[in-house]
Amino acid sequence: MSVSAKKILSTKIAFFALLILLALAANVKYKQWKNQKAIDSEKDRLIRQTRQMENSNTELKNSLSYLNSESYKERVAKEQLNLKKSDEIVFGFSGPLSAPENSASSNGKNSKSNTEKWLEYFTQR
């Protein structure tokens, strides 16, 4: 073989060798990019989860502080234990509340005007 044929052959071999190395480097870079994308996705998911847990933790702290407050303890004592403060006056009502018999909303039968009702009230006595 001549010197120019050897040069061409070695140039083609070198070119293909470089092409193969470039393909291998691109493959490695692609795998790194794919792994980095997965890591970023996991990082974003964990950040969202952290924010969610912080919000939940804040709500629980607020609930706990309310449950430990004096106003809550006082309300529970009044409602569930029927206790009262020493300076309080408590009125108790028993039985269901019912509307008066003469009310227009109870039966809808009373269609008199307000003036007629007043005249009737004063004339019956």
PDB file of N, CA and C in Angstrom:
ATOM      1  N   MET A   1       0.819  -1.172   0.000  1.00  0.00           N
ATOM      2  CA  MET A   1       0.000   0.000   0.000  1.00  0.00           C
ATOM      3  C   MET A   1       0.867   1.240   0.000  1.00  0.00           C
ATOM      4  N   SER A   2       0.291   2.202  -0.600  1.00  0.00           N
ATOM      5  CA  SER A   2       1.040   3.443  -0.681  1.00  0.00           C
ATOM      6  C   SER A   2       0.803   4.274   0.580  1.00  0.00           C
ATOM      7  N   VAL A   3       1.576   5.278   0.731  1.00  0.00           N
ATOM      8  CA  VAL A   3       1.514   6.142   1.898  1.00  0.00           C
ATOM      9  C   VAL A   3       0.188   6.892   1.937  1.00  0.00           C
ATOM     10  N   SER A   4      -0.325   7.343   0.814  1.00  0.00           N
ATOM     11  CA  SER A   4      -1.585   8.082   0.792  1.00  0.00           C
ATOM     12  C   SER A   4      -2.754   7.159   1.124  1.00  0.00           C
ATOM     13  N   ALA A   5      -2.703   5.890   0.697  1.00  0.00           N
ATOM     14  CA  ALA A   5      -3.763   4.932   1.013  1.00  0.00           C
ATOM     15  C   ALA A   5      -3.756   4.637   2.498  1.00  0.00           C
ATOM     16  N   LYS A   6      -2.583   4.537   3.104  1.00  0.00           N
ATOM     17  CA  LYS A   6      -2.480   4.301   4.539  1.00  0.00           C
ATOM     18  C   LYS A   6      -3.017   5.502   5.311  1.00  0.00           C
ATOM     19  N   LYS A   7      -2.752   6.719   4.798  1.00  0.00           N
ATOM     20  CA  LYS A   7      -3.245   7.925   5.451  1.00  0.00           C
ATOM     21  C   LYS A   7      -4.773   7.966   5.422  1.00  0.00           C
ATOM     22  N   ILE A   8      -5.342   7.630   4.267  1.00  0.00           N
ATOM     23  CA  ILE A   8      -6.795   7.643   4.119  1.00  0.00           C
ATOM     24  C   ILE A   8      -7.408   6.586   5.016  1.00  0.00           C
ATOM     25  N   LEU A   9      -6.803   5.392   5.037  1.00  0.00           N
ATOM     26  CA  LEU A   9      -7.308   4.292   5.847  1.00  0.00           C
ATOM     27  C   LEU A   9      -7.208   4.644   7.321  1.00  0.00           C
ATOM     28  N   SER A  10      -6.112   5.213   7.738  1.00  0.00           N
ATOM     29  CA  SER A  10      -5.955   5.571   9.143  1.00  0.00           C
ATOM     30  C   SER A  10      -6.876   6.729   9.510  1.00  0.00           C
ATOM     31  N   THR A  11      -7.155   7.629   8.581  1.00  0.00           N
ATOM     32  CA  THR A  11      -8.067   8.733   8.831  1.00  0.00           C
ATOM     33  C   THR A  11      -9.490   8.201   8.995  1.00  0.00           C
ATOM     34  N   LYS A  12      -9.885   7.241   8.175  1.00  0.00           N
ATOM     35  CA  LYS A  12     -11.218   6.653   8.300  1.00  0.00           C
ATOM     36  C   LYS A  12     -11.347   5.886   9.599  1.00  0.00           C
ATOM     37  N   ILE A  13     -10.322   5.147   9.960  1.00  0.00           N
ATOM     38  CA  ILE A  13     -10.348   4.386  11.222  1.00  0.00           C
ATOM     39  C   ILE A  13     -10.407   5.357  12.404  1.00  0.00           C
ATOM     40  N   ALA A  14      -9.599   6.391  12.347  1.00  0.00           N
ATOM     41  CA  ALA A  14      -9.613   7.389  13.417  1.00  0.00           C
ATOM     42  C   ALA A  14     -10.977   8.065  13.494  1.00  0.00           C
ATOM     43  N   PHE A  15     -11.570   8.372  12.345  1.00  0.00           N
ATOM     44  CA  PHE A  15     -12.884   9.004  12.311  1.00  0.00           C
ATOM     45  C   PHE A  15     -13.947   8.105  12.953  1.00  0.00           C
ATOM     46  N   PHE A  16     -13.955   6.812  12.589  1.00  0.00           N
ATOM     47  CA  PHE A  16     -14.929   5.881  13.161  1.00  0.00           C
ATOM     48  C   PHE A  16     -14.678   5.660  14.647  1.00  0.00           C
ATOM     49  N   ALA A  17     -13.412   5.637  15.028  1.00  0.00           N
ATOM     50  CA  ALA A  17     -13.091   5.495  16.452  1.00  0.00           C
ATOM     51  C   ALA A  17     -13.602   6.709  17.227  1.00  0.00           C
ATOM     52  N   LEU A  18     -13.394   7.891  16.708  1.00  0.00           N
ATOM     53  CA  LEU A  18     -13.890   9.105  17.344  1.00  0.00           C
ATOM     54  C   LEU A  18     -15.420   9.133  17.370  1.00  0.00           C
ATOM     55  N   LEU A  19     -16.031   8.664  16.285  1.00  0.00           N
ATOM     56  CA  LEU A  19     -17.484   8.604  16.218  1.00  0.00           C
ATOM     57  C   LEU A  19     -18.040   7.658  17.280  1.00  0.00           C
ATOM     58  N   ILE A  20     -17.395   6.516  17.467  1.00  0.00           N
ATOM     59  CA  ILE A  20     -17.828   5.558  18.493  1.00  0.00           C
ATOM     60  C   ILE A  20     -17.634   6.155  19.885  1.00  0.00           C
ATOM     61  N   LEU A  21     -16.510   6.809  20.107  1.00  0.00           N
ATOM     62  CA  LEU A  21     -16.275   7.461  21.406  1.00  0.00           C
ATOM     63  C   LEU A  21     -17.314   8.557  21.663  1.00  0.00           C
ATOM     64  N   LEU A  22     -17.642   9.314  20.630  1.00  0.00           N
ATOM     65  CA  LEU A  22     -18.650  10.355  20.764  1.00  0.00           C
ATOM     66  C   LEU A  22     -20.012   9.757  21.099  1.00  0.00           C
ATOM     67  N   ALA A  23     -20.366   8.655  20.477  1.00  0.00           N
ATOM     68  CA  ALA A  23     -21.640   7.977  20.759  1.00  0.00           C
ATOM     69  C   ALA A  23     -21.658   7.461  22.196  1.00  0.00           C
ATOM     70  N   LEU A  24     -20.564   6.901  22.665  1.00  0.00           N
ATOM     71  CA  LEU A  24     -20.490   6.425  24.047  1.00  0.00           C
ATOM     72  C   LEU A  24     -20.604   7.589  25.037  1.00  0.00           C
ATOM     73  N   ALA A  25     -19.923   8.698  24.728  1.00  0.00           N
ATOM     74  CA  ALA A  25     -20.003   9.867  25.602  1.00  0.00           C
ATOM     75  C   ALA A  25     -21.427  10.430  25.624  1.00  0.00           C
ATOM     76  N   ALA A  26     -22.090  10.458  24.481  1.00  0.00           N
ATOM     77  CA  ALA A  26     -23.473  10.934  24.417  1.00  0.00           C
ATOM     78  C   ALA A  26     -24.394  10.015  25.211  1.00  0.00           C
ATOM     79  N   ASN A  27     -24.172   8.723  25.159  1.00  0.00           N
ATOM     80  CA  ASN A  27     -24.975   7.772  25.915  1.00  0.00           C
ATOM     81  C   ASN A  27     -24.804   7.993  27.419  1.00  0.00           C
ATOM     82  N   VAL A  28     -23.564   8.191  27.856  1.00  0.00           N
ATOM     83  CA  VAL A  28     -23.293   8.444  29.270  1.00  0.00           C
ATOM     84  C   VAL A  28     -23.966   9.749  29.700  1.00  0.00           C
ATOM     85  N   LYS A  29     -23.841  10.784  28.881  1.00  0.00           N
ATOM     86  CA  LYS A  29     -24.454  12.077  29.201  1.00  0.00           C
ATOM     87  C   LYS A  29     -25.979  11.968  29.269  1.00  0.00           C
ATOM     88  N   TYR A  30     -26.586  11.203  28.377  1.00  0.00           N
ATOM     89  CA  TYR A  30     -28.031  10.992  28.380  1.00  0.00           C
ATOM     90  C   TYR A  30     -28.469  10.302  29.668  1.00  0.00           C
ATOM     91  N   LYS A  31     -27.729   9.292  30.102  1.00  0.00           N
ATOM     92  CA  LYS A  31     -28.064   8.591  31.348  1.00  0.00           C
ATOM     93  C   LYS A  31     -27.946   9.534  32.537  1.00  0.00           C
ATOM     94  N   GLN A  32     -26.918  10.397  32.542  1.00  0.00           N
ATOM     95  CA  GLN A  32     -26.770  11.367  33.621  1.00  0.00           C
ATOM     96  C   GLN A  32     -27.936  12.353  33.628  1.00  0.00           C
ATOM     97  N   TRP A  33     -28.338  12.805  32.447  1.00  0.00           N
ATOM     98  CA  TRP A  33     -29.460  13.734  32.341  1.00  0.00           C
ATOM     99  C   TRP A  33     -30.749  13.098  32.843  1.00  0.00           C
ATOM    100  N   LYS A  34     -30.961  11.830  32.476  1.00  0.00           N
ATOM    101  CA  LYS A  34     -32.157  11.109  32.904  1.00  0.00           C
ATOM    102  C   LYS A  34     -32.166  10.945  34.425  1.00  0.00           C
ATOM    103  N   ASN A  35     -31.025  10.590  35.001  1.00  0.00           N
ATOM    104  CA  ASN A  35     -30.932  10.451  36.459  1.00  0.00           C
ATOM    105  C   ASN A  35     -31.155  11.789  37.159  1.00  0.00           C
ATOM    106  N   GLN A  36     -30.591  12.878  36.595  1.00  0.00           N
ATOM    107  CA  GLN A  36     -30.769  14.199  37.182  1.00  0.00           C
ATOM    108  C   GLN A  36     -32.233  14.622  37.142  1.00  0.00           C
ATOM    109  N   LYS A  37     -32.911  14.282  36.059  1.00  0.00           N
ATOM    110  CA  LYS A  37     -34.341  14.599  35.945  1.00  0.00           C
ATOM    111  C   LYS A  37     -35.146  13.841  37.005  1.00  0.00           C
ATOM    112  N   ALA A  38     -34.819  12.587  37.233  1.00  0.00           N
ATOM    113  CA  ALA A  38     -35.502  11.793  38.259  1.00  0.00           C
ATOM    114  C   ALA A  38     -35.224  12.366  39.650  1.00  0.00           C
ATOM    115  N   ILE A  39     -33.982  12.789  39.881  1.00  0.00           N
ATOM    116  CA  ILE A  39     -33.621  13.374  41.176  1.00  0.00           C
ATOM    117  C   ILE A  39     -34.373  14.692  41.393  1.00  0.00           C
ATOM    118  N   ASP A  40     -34.451  15.528  40.366  1.00  0.00           N
ATOM    119  CA  ASP A  40     -35.183  16.792  40.483  1.00  0.00           C
ATOM    120  C   ASP A  40     -36.664  16.558  40.747  1.00  0.00           C
ATOM    121  N   SER A  41     -37.231  15.569  40.097  1.00  0.00           N
ATOM    122  CA  SER A  41     -38.638  15.237  40.300  1.00  0.00           C
ATOM    123  C   SER A  41     -38.872  14.772  41.743  1.00  0.00           C
ATOM    124  N   GLU A  42     -38.001  13.936  42.258  1.00  0.00           N
ATOM    125  CA  GLU A  42     -38.113  13.452  43.637  1.00  0.00           C
ATOM    126  C   GLU A  42     -37.930  14.606  44.621  1.00  0.00           C
ATOM    127  N   LYS A  43     -37.007  15.506  44.311  1.00  0.00           N
ATOM    128  CA  LYS A  43     -36.772  16.667  45.166  1.00  0.00           C
ATOM    129  C   LYS A  43     -38.021  17.549  45.235  1.00  0.00           C
ATOM    130  N   ASP A  44     -38.650  17.809  44.092  1.00  0.00           N
ATOM    131  CA  ASP A  44     -39.873  18.613  44.056  1.00  0.00           C
ATOM    132  C   ASP A  44     -40.999  17.947  44.845  1.00  0.00           C
ATOM    133  N   ARG A  45     -41.116  16.625  44.708  1.00  0.00           N
ATOM    134  CA  ARG A  45     -42.146  15.895  45.442  1.00  0.00           C
ATOM    135  C   ARG A  45     -41.913  16.006  46.948  1.00  0.00           C
ATOM    136  N   LEU A  46     -40.663  15.886  47.377  1.00  0.00           N
ATOM    137  CA  LEU A  46     -40.347  15.980  48.799  1.00  0.00           C
ATOM    138  C   LEU A  46     -40.556  17.388  49.339  1.00  0.00           C
ATOM    139  N   ILE A  47     -40.293  18.398  48.524  1.00  0.00           N
ATOM    140  CA  ILE A  47     -40.536  19.779  48.945  1.00  0.00           C
ATOM    141  C   ILE A  47     -42.030  20.019  49.136  1.00  0.00           C
ATOM    142  N   ARG A  48     -42.843  19.519  48.192  1.00  0.00           N
ATOM    143  CA  ARG A  48     -44.305  19.651  48.336  1.00  0.00           C
ATOM    144  C   ARG A  48     -44.790  18.916  49.585  1.00  0.00           C
ATOM    145  N   GLN A  49     -44.254  17.734  49.823  1.00  0.00           N
ATOM    146  CA  GLN A  49     -44.653  16.952  50.994  1.00  0.00           C
ATOM    147  C   GLN A  49     -44.249  17.683  52.280  1.00  0.00           C
ATOM    148  N   THR A  50     -43.076  18.307  52.275  1.00  0.00           N
ATOM    149  CA  THR A  50     -42.616  19.061  53.443  1.00  0.00           C
ATOM    150  C   THR A  50     -43.546  20.229  53.729  1.00  0.00           C
ATOM    151  N   ARG A  51     -43.935  20.965  52.681  1.00  0.00           N
ATOM    152  CA  ARG A  51     -44.860  22.090  52.866  1.00  0.00           C
ATOM    153  C   ARG A  51     -46.196  21.616  53.412  1.00  0.00           C
ATOM    154  N   GLN A  52     -46.669  20.504  52.884  1.00  0.00           N
ATOM    155  CA  GLN A  52     -47.944  19.945  53.342  1.00  0.00           C
ATOM    156  C   GLN A  52     -47.860  19.564  54.821  1.00  0.00           C
ATOM    157  N   MET A  53     -46.776  18.931  55.197  1.00  0.00           N
ATOM    158  CA  MET A  53     -46.612  18.521  56.594  1.00  0.00           C
ATOM    159  C   MET A  53     -46.442  19.727  57.513  1.00  0.00           C
ATOM    160  N   GLU A  54     -45.765  20.780  57.038  1.00  0.00           N
ATOM    161  CA  GLU A  54     -45.631  21.993  57.844  1.00  0.00           C
ATOM    162  C   GLU A  54     -46.990  22.641  58.068  1.00  0.00           C
ATOM    163  N   ASN A  55     -47.822  22.682  57.026  1.00  0.00           N
ATOM    164  CA  ASN A  55     -49.176  23.236  57.182  1.00  0.00           C
ATOM    165  C   ASN A  55     -49.991  22.412  58.162  1.00  0.00           C
ATOM    166  N   SER A  56     -49.890  21.113  58.047  1.00  0.00           N
ATOM    167  CA  SER A  56     -50.611  20.229  58.962  1.00  0.00           C
ATOM    168  C   SER A  56     -50.111  20.421  60.392  1.00  0.00           C
ATOM    169  N   ASN A  57     -48.813  20.560  60.539  1.00  0.00           N
ATOM    170  CA  ASN A  57     -48.219  20.761  61.855  1.00  0.00           C
ATOM    171  C   ASN A  57     -48.689  22.081  62.463  1.00  0.00           C
ATOM    172  N   THR A  58     -48.781  23.117  61.656  1.00  0.00           N
ATOM    173  CA  THR A  58     -49.265  24.410  62.134  1.00  0.00           C
ATOM    174  C   THR A  58     -50.720  24.307  62.592  1.00  0.00           C
ATOM    175  N   GLU A  59     -51.545  23.610  61.807  1.00  0.00           N
ATOM    176  CA  GLU A  59     -52.951  23.427  62.191  1.00  0.00           C
ATOM    177  C   GLU A  59     -53.062  22.653  63.497  1.00  0.00           C
ATOM    178  N   LEU A  60     -52.237  21.624  63.653  1.00  0.00           N
ATOM    179  CA  LEU A  60     -52.267  20.845  64.893  1.00  0.00           C
ATOM    180  C   LEU A  60     -51.814  21.679  66.091  1.00  0.00           C
ATOM    181  N   LYS A  61     -50.799  22.513  65.898  1.00  0.00           N
ATOM    182  CA  LYS A  61     -50.349  23.392  66.989  1.00  0.00           C
ATOM    183  C   LYS A  61     -51.459  24.351  67.390  1.00  0.00           C
ATOM    184  N   ASN A  62     -52.146  24.916  66.386  1.00  0.00           N
ATOM    185  CA  ASN A  62     -53.247  25.836  66.687  1.00  0.00           C
ATOM    186  C   ASN A  62     -54.370  25.119  67.437  1.00  0.00           C
ATOM    187  N   SER A  63     -54.695  23.914  66.995  1.00  0.00           N
ATOM    188  CA  SER A  63     -55.741  23.139  67.678  1.00  0.00           C
ATOM    189  C   SER A  63     -55.330  22.813  69.104  1.00  0.00           C
ATOM    190  N   LEU A  64     -54.082  22.434  69.284  1.00  0.00           N
ATOM    191  CA  LEU A  64     -53.589  22.085  70.612  1.00  0.00           C
ATOM    192  C   LEU A  64     -53.587  23.301  71.528  1.00  0.00           C
ATOM    193  N   SER A  65     -53.181  24.445  71.015  1.00  0.00           N
ATOM    194  CA  SER A  65     -53.185  25.649  71.849  1.00  0.00           C
ATOM    195  C   SER A  65     -54.617  26.038  72.213  1.00  0.00           C
ATOM    196  N   TYR A  66     -55.566  25.827  71.288  1.00  0.00           N
ATOM    197  CA  TYR A  66     -56.959  26.120  71.616  1.00  0.00           C
ATOM    198  C   TYR A  66     -57.486  25.147  72.671  1.00  0.00           C
ATOM    199  N   LEU A  67     -57.155  23.883  72.519  1.00  0.00           N
ATOM    200  CA  LEU A  67     -57.633  22.891  73.491  1.00  0.00           C
ATOM    201  C   LEU A  67     -57.027  23.107  74.877  1.00  0.00           C
ATOM    202  N   ASN A  68     -55.870  23.731  74.942  1.00  0.00           N
ATOM    203  CA  ASN A  68     -55.244  24.020  76.233  1.00  0.00           C
ATOM    204  C   ASN A  68     -55.628  25.392  76.778  1.00  0.00           C
ATOM    205  N   SER A  69     -56.415  26.148  76.032  1.00  0.00           N
ATOM    206  CA  SER A  69     -56.778  27.497  76.461  1.00  0.00           C
ATOM    207  C   SER A  69     -57.850  27.447  77.541  1.00  0.00           C
ATOM    208  N   GLU A  70     -57.896  28.508  78.319  1.00  0.00           N
ATOM    209  CA  GLU A  70     -58.875  28.603  79.404  1.00  0.00           C
ATOM    210  C   GLU A  70     -60.298  28.708  78.860  1.00  0.00           C
ATOM    211  N   SER A  71     -60.468  29.387  77.735  1.00  0.00           N
ATOM    212  CA  SER A  71     -61.821  29.548  77.197  1.00  0.00           C
ATOM    213  C   SER A  71     -62.406  28.203  76.782  1.00  0.00           C
ATOM    214  N   TYR A  72     -61.569  27.329  76.212  1.00  0.00           N
ATOM    215  CA  TYR A  72     -62.066  26.002  75.829  1.00  0.00           C
ATOM    216  C   TYR A  72     -62.409  25.186  77.075  1.00  0.00           C
ATOM    217  N   LYS A  73     -61.544  25.214  78.061  1.00  0.00           N
ATOM    218  CA  LYS A  73     -61.804  24.452  79.292  1.00  0.00           C
ATOM    219  C   LYS A  73     -63.075  24.942  79.967  1.00  0.00           C
ATOM    220  N   GLU A  74     -63.284  26.252  79.957  1.00  0.00           N
ATOM    221  CA  GLU A  74     -64.487  26.817  80.558  1.00  0.00           C
ATOM    222  C   GLU A  74     -65.734  26.380  79.793  1.00  0.00           C
ATOM    223  N   ARG A  75     -65.661  26.413  78.471  1.00  0.00           N
ATOM    224  CA  ARG A  75     -66.813  26.014  77.650  1.00  0.00           C
ATOM    225  C   ARG A  75     -67.159  24.546  77.868  1.00  0.00           C
ATOM    226  N   VAL A  76     -66.146  23.689  77.915  1.00  0.00           N
ATOM    227  CA  VAL A  76     -66.385  22.260  78.135  1.00  0.00           C
ATOM    228  C   VAL A  76     -66.974  22.036  79.519  1.00  0.00           C
ATOM    229  N   ALA A  77     -66.460  22.753  80.507  1.00  0.00           N
ATOM    230  CA  ALA A  77     -66.983  22.605  81.873  1.00  0.00           C
ATOM    231  C   ALA A  77     -68.450  23.018  81.936  1.00  0.00           C
ATOM    232  N   LYS A  78     -68.803  24.061  81.211  1.00  0.00           N
ATOM    233  CA  LYS A  78     -70.194  24.517  81.226  1.00  0.00           C
ATOM    234  C   LYS A  78     -71.104  23.559  80.466  1.00  0.00           C
ATOM    235  N   GLU A  79     -70.681  23.136  79.274  1.00  0.00           N
ATOM    236  CA  GLU A  79     -71.550  22.333  78.417  1.00  0.00           C
ATOM    237  C   GLU A  79     -71.633  20.879  78.852  1.00  0.00           C
ATOM    238  N   GLN A  80     -70.523  20.291  79.207  1.00  0.00           N
ATOM    239  CA  GLN A  80     -70.523  18.852  79.471  1.00  0.00           C
ATOM    240  C   GLN A  80     -70.645  18.512  80.946  1.00  0.00           C
ATOM    241  N   LEU A  81     -70.128  19.377  81.816  1.00  0.00           N
ATOM    242  CA  LEU A  81     -70.162  19.071  83.239  1.00  0.00           C
ATOM    243  C   LEU A  81     -71.196  19.899  83.994  1.00  0.00           C
ATOM    244  N   ASN A  82     -71.883  20.796  83.288  1.00  0.00           N
ATOM    245  CA  ASN A  82     -72.903  21.669  83.869  1.00  0.00           C
ATOM    246  C   ASN A  82     -72.373  22.474  85.053  1.00  0.00           C
ATOM    247  N   LEU A  83     -71.147  22.944  84.935  1.00  0.00           N
ATOM    248  CA  LEU A  83     -70.554  23.778  85.973  1.00  0.00           C
ATOM    249  C   LEU A  83     -70.771  25.245  85.621  1.00  0.00           C
ATOM    250  N   LYS A  84     -70.597  26.123  86.617  1.00  0.00           N
ATOM    251  CA  LYS A  84     -70.717  27.552  86.391  1.00  0.00           C
ATOM    252  C   LYS A  84     -69.736  28.280  87.275  1.00  0.00           C
ATOM    253  N   LYS A  85     -69.480  29.517  86.917  1.00  0.00           N
ATOM    254  CA  LYS A  85     -68.621  30.350  87.742  1.00  0.00           C
ATOM    255  C   LYS A  85     -69.403  30.790  88.979  1.00  0.00           C
ATOM    256  N   SER A  86     -68.683  31.177  90.015  1.00  0.00           N
ATOM    257  CA  SER A  86     -69.356  31.546  91.265  1.00  0.00           C
ATOM    258  C   SER A  86     -70.195  32.808  91.112  1.00  0.00           C
ATOM    259  N   ASP A  87     -69.833  33.710  90.236  1.00  0.00           N
ATOM    260  CA  ASP A  87     -70.592  34.949  90.061  1.00  0.00           C
ATOM    261  C   ASP A  87     -71.568  34.891  88.891  1.00  0.00           C
ATOM    262  N   GLU A  88     -71.801  33.710  88.343  1.00  0.00           N
ATOM    263  CA  GLU A  88     -72.696  33.558  87.197  1.00  0.00           C
ATOM    264  C   GLU A  88     -74.098  33.161  87.641  1.00  0.00           C
ATOM    265  N   ILE A  89     -75.061  33.632  86.895  1.00  0.00           N
ATOM    266  CA  ILE A  89     -76.447  33.212  87.105  1.00  0.00           C
ATOM    267  C   ILE A  89     -76.856  32.453  85.847  1.00  0.00           C
ATOM    268  N   VAL A  90     -77.324  31.229  86.031  1.00  0.00           N
ATOM    269  CA  VAL A  90     -77.668  30.387  84.894  1.00  0.00           C
ATOM    270  C   VAL A  90     -79.160  30.124  84.904  1.00  0.00           C
ATOM    271  N   PHE A  91     -79.801  30.334  83.782  1.00  0.00           N
ATOM    272  CA  PHE A  91     -81.217  30.049  83.623  1.00  0.00           C
ATOM    273  C   PHE A  91     -81.338  28.781  82.802  1.00  0.00           C
ATOM    274  N   GLY A  92     -82.129  27.848  83.272  1.00  0.00           N
ATOM    275  CA  GLY A  92     -82.320  26.608  82.539  1.00  0.00           C
ATOM    276  C   GLY A  92     -83.754  26.503  82.048  1.00  0.00           C
ATOM    277  N   PHE A  93     -83.928  26.101  80.840  1.00  0.00           N
ATOM    278  CA  PHE A  93     -85.247  25.922  80.251  1.00  0.00           C
ATOM    279  C   PHE A  93     -85.369  24.473  79.841  1.00  0.00           C
ATOM    280  N   SER A  94     -86.492  23.887  80.171  1.00  0.00           N
ATOM    281  CA  SER A  94     -86.688  22.491  79.788  1.00  0.00           C
ATOM    282  C   SER A  94     -87.824  22.402  78.783  1.00  0.00           C
ATOM    283  N   GLY A  95     -87.825  21.338  78.036  1.00  0.00           N
ATOM    284  CA  GLY A  95     -88.875  21.107  77.058  1.00  0.00           C
ATOM    285  C   GLY A  95     -88.569  21.790  75.741  1.00  0.00           C
ATOM    286  N   PRO A  96     -89.256  21.335  74.707  1.00  0.00           N
ATOM    287  CA  PRO A  96     -89.007  21.932  73.394  1.00  0.00           C
ATOM    288  C   PRO A  96     -89.677  23.299  73.285  1.00  0.00           C
ATOM    289  N   LEU A  97     -89.082  24.161  72.551  1.00  0.00           N
ATOM    290  CA  LEU A  97     -89.662  25.474  72.318  1.00  0.00           C
ATOM    291  C   LEU A  97     -90.733  25.344  71.252  1.00  0.00           C
ATOM    292  N   SER A  98     -91.896  25.941  71.505  1.00  0.00           N
ATOM    293  CA  SER A  98     -92.962  25.875  70.511  1.00  0.00           C
ATOM    294  C   SER A  98     -93.460  27.281  70.228  1.00  0.00           C
ATOM    295  N   ALA A  99     -94.030  27.456  69.061  1.00  0.00           N
ATOM    296  CA  ALA A  99     -94.553  28.752  68.661  1.00  0.00           C
ATOM    297  C   ALA A  99     -95.883  28.992  69.368  1.00  0.00           C
ATOM    298  N   PRO A 100     -96.231  30.234  69.634  1.00  0.00           N
ATOM    299  CA  PRO A 100     -97.534  30.532  70.259  1.00  0.00           C
ATOM    300  C   PRO A 100     -98.673  30.066  69.362  1.00  0.00           C
ATOM    301  N   GLU A 101     -99.799  29.785  69.992  1.00  0.00           N
ATOM    302  CA  GLU A 101    -100.931  29.220  69.257  1.00  0.00           C
ATOM    303  C   GLU A 101    -101.525  30.213  68.269  1.00  0.00           C
ATOM    304  N   ASN A 102    -101.476  31.499  68.562  1.00  0.00           N
ATOM    305  CA  ASN A 102    -102.106  32.487  67.709  1.00  0.00           C
ATOM    306  C   ASN A 102    -101.187  32.985  66.597  1.00  0.00           C
ATOM    307  N   SER A 103    -100.027  32.425  66.464  1.00  0.00           N
ATOM    308  CA  SER A 103     -99.103  32.952  65.448  1.00  0.00           C
ATOM    309  C   SER A 103     -99.556  32.549  64.056  1.00  0.00           C
ATOM    310  N   ALA A 104     -99.342  33.432  63.123  1.00  0.00           N
ATOM    311  CA  ALA A 104     -99.757  33.196  61.744  1.00  0.00           C
ATOM    312  C   ALA A 104     -98.881  32.149  61.083  1.00  0.00           C
ATOM    313  N   SER A 105     -97.658  31.960  61.587  1.00  0.00           N
ATOM    314  CA  SER A 105     -96.745  31.010  60.952  1.00  0.00           C
ATOM    315  C   SER A 105     -97.046  29.567  61.344  1.00  0.00           C
ATOM    316  N   SER A 106     -97.797  29.357  62.443  1.00  0.00           N
ATOM    317  CA  SER A 106     -98.025  27.987  62.884  1.00  0.00           C
ATOM    318  C   SER A 106     -99.006  27.242  61.977  1.00  0.00           C
ATOM    319  N   ASN A 107    -100.134  27.866  61.638  1.00  0.00           N
ATOM    320  CA  ASN A 107    -101.119  27.174  60.815  1.00  0.00           C
ATOM    321  C   ASN A 107    -101.413  27.886  59.510  1.00  0.00           C
ATOM    322  N   GLY A 108    -101.163  29.150  59.465  1.00  0.00           N
ATOM    323  CA  GLY A 108    -101.478  29.910  58.271  1.00  0.00           C
ATOM    324  C   GLY A 108    -102.960  30.260  58.190  1.00  0.00           C
ATOM    325  N   LYS A 109    -103.770  30.011  59.235  1.00  0.00           N
ATOM    326  CA  LYS A 109    -105.216  30.249  59.231  1.00  0.00           C
ATOM    327  C   LYS A 109    -105.539  31.706  59.557  1.00  0.00           C
ATOM    328  N   ASN A 110    -104.667  32.342  60.315  1.00  0.00           N
ATOM    329  CA  ASN A 110    -104.946  33.689  60.786  1.00  0.00           C
ATOM    330  C   ASN A 110    -104.529  34.686  59.719  1.00  0.00           C
ATOM    331  N   SER A 111    -105.516  35.248  59.042  1.00  0.00           N
ATOM    332  CA  SER A 111    -105.216  36.179  57.965  1.00  0.00           C
ATOM    333  C   SER A 111    -105.689  37.584  58.303  1.00  0.00           C
ATOM    334  N   LYS A 112    -105.879  37.893  59.573  1.00  0.00           N
ATOM    335  CA  LYS A 112    -106.326  39.216  59.988  1.00  0.00           C
ATOM    336  C   LYS A 112    -105.161  40.186  59.924  1.00  0.00           C
ATOM    337  N   SER A 113    -105.507  41.431  59.705  1.00  0.00           N
ATOM    338  CA  SER A 113    -104.462  42.456  59.693  1.00  0.00           C
ATOM    339  C   SER A 113    -104.039  42.747  61.123  1.00  0.00           C
ATOM    340  N   ASN A 114    -102.969  43.428  61.244  1.00  0.00           N
ATOM    341  CA  ASN A 114    -102.428  43.740  62.559  1.00  0.00           C
ATOM    342  C   ASN A 114    -103.385  44.648  63.331  1.00  0.00           C
ATOM    343  N   THR A 115    -104.003  45.572  62.652  1.00  0.00           N
ATOM    344  CA  THR A 115    -104.957  46.477  63.297  1.00  0.00           C
ATOM    345  C   THR A 115    -106.148  45.709  63.850  1.00  0.00           C
ATOM    346  N   GLU A 116    -106.667  44.764  63.080  1.00  0.00           N
ATOM    347  CA  GLU A 116    -107.804  43.953  63.532  1.00  0.00           C
ATOM    348  C   GLU A 116    -107.436  43.129  64.754  1.00  0.00           C
ATOM    349  N   LYS A 117    -106.223  42.614  64.763  1.00  0.00           N
ATOM    350  CA  LYS A 117    -105.769  41.835  65.915  1.00  0.00           C
ATOM    351  C   LYS A 117    -105.707  42.693  67.178  1.00  0.00           C
ATOM    352  N   TRP A 118    -105.229  43.932  67.058  1.00  0.00           N
ATOM    353  CA  TRP A 118    -105.163  44.826  68.215  1.00  0.00           C
ATOM    354  C   TRP A 118    -106.568  45.188  68.708  1.00  0.00           C
ATOM    355  N   LEU A 119    -107.470  45.467  67.787  1.00  0.00           N
ATOM    356  CA  LEU A 119    -108.847  45.790  68.199  1.00  0.00           C
ATOM    357  C   LEU A 119    -109.484  44.597  68.912  1.00  0.00           C
ATOM    358  N   GLU A 120    -109.270  43.443  68.379  1.00  0.00           N
ATOM    359  CA  GLU A 120    -109.817  42.236  68.997  1.00  0.00           C
ATOM    360  C   GLU A 120    -109.229  42.005  70.383  1.00  0.00           C
ATOM    361  N   TYR A 121    -107.956  42.278  70.534  1.00  0.00           N
ATOM    362  CA  TYR A 121    -107.287  42.092  71.816  1.00  0.00           C
ATOM    363  C   TYR A 121    -107.866  43.017  72.867  1.00  0.00           C
ATOM    364  N   PHE A 122    -108.053  44.301  72.504  1.00  0.00           N
ATOM    365  CA  PHE A 122    -108.542  45.252  73.484  1.00  0.00           C
ATOM    366  C   PHE A 122    -110.031  45.135  73.751  1.00  0.00           C
ATOM    367  N   THR A 123    -110.802  44.674  72.811  1.00  0.00           N
ATOM    368  CA  THR A 123    -112.247  44.565  73.009  1.00  0.00           C
ATOM    369  C   THR A 123    -112.644  43.298  73.729  1.00  0.00           C
ATOM    370  N   GLN A 124    -111.804  42.302  73.750  1.00  0.00           N
ATOM    371  CA  GLN A 124    -112.157  41.043  74.434  1.00  0.00           C
ATOM    372  C   GLN A 124    -112.027  41.180  75.940  1.00  0.00           C
ATOM    373  N   ARG A 125    -111.328  42.074  76.430  1.00  0.00           N
ATOM    374  CA  ARG A 125    -111.119  42.200  77.877  1.00  0.00           C
ATOM    375  C   ARG A 125    -112.030  43.153  78.499  1.00  0.00           C
TER     376      ARG A 125
END
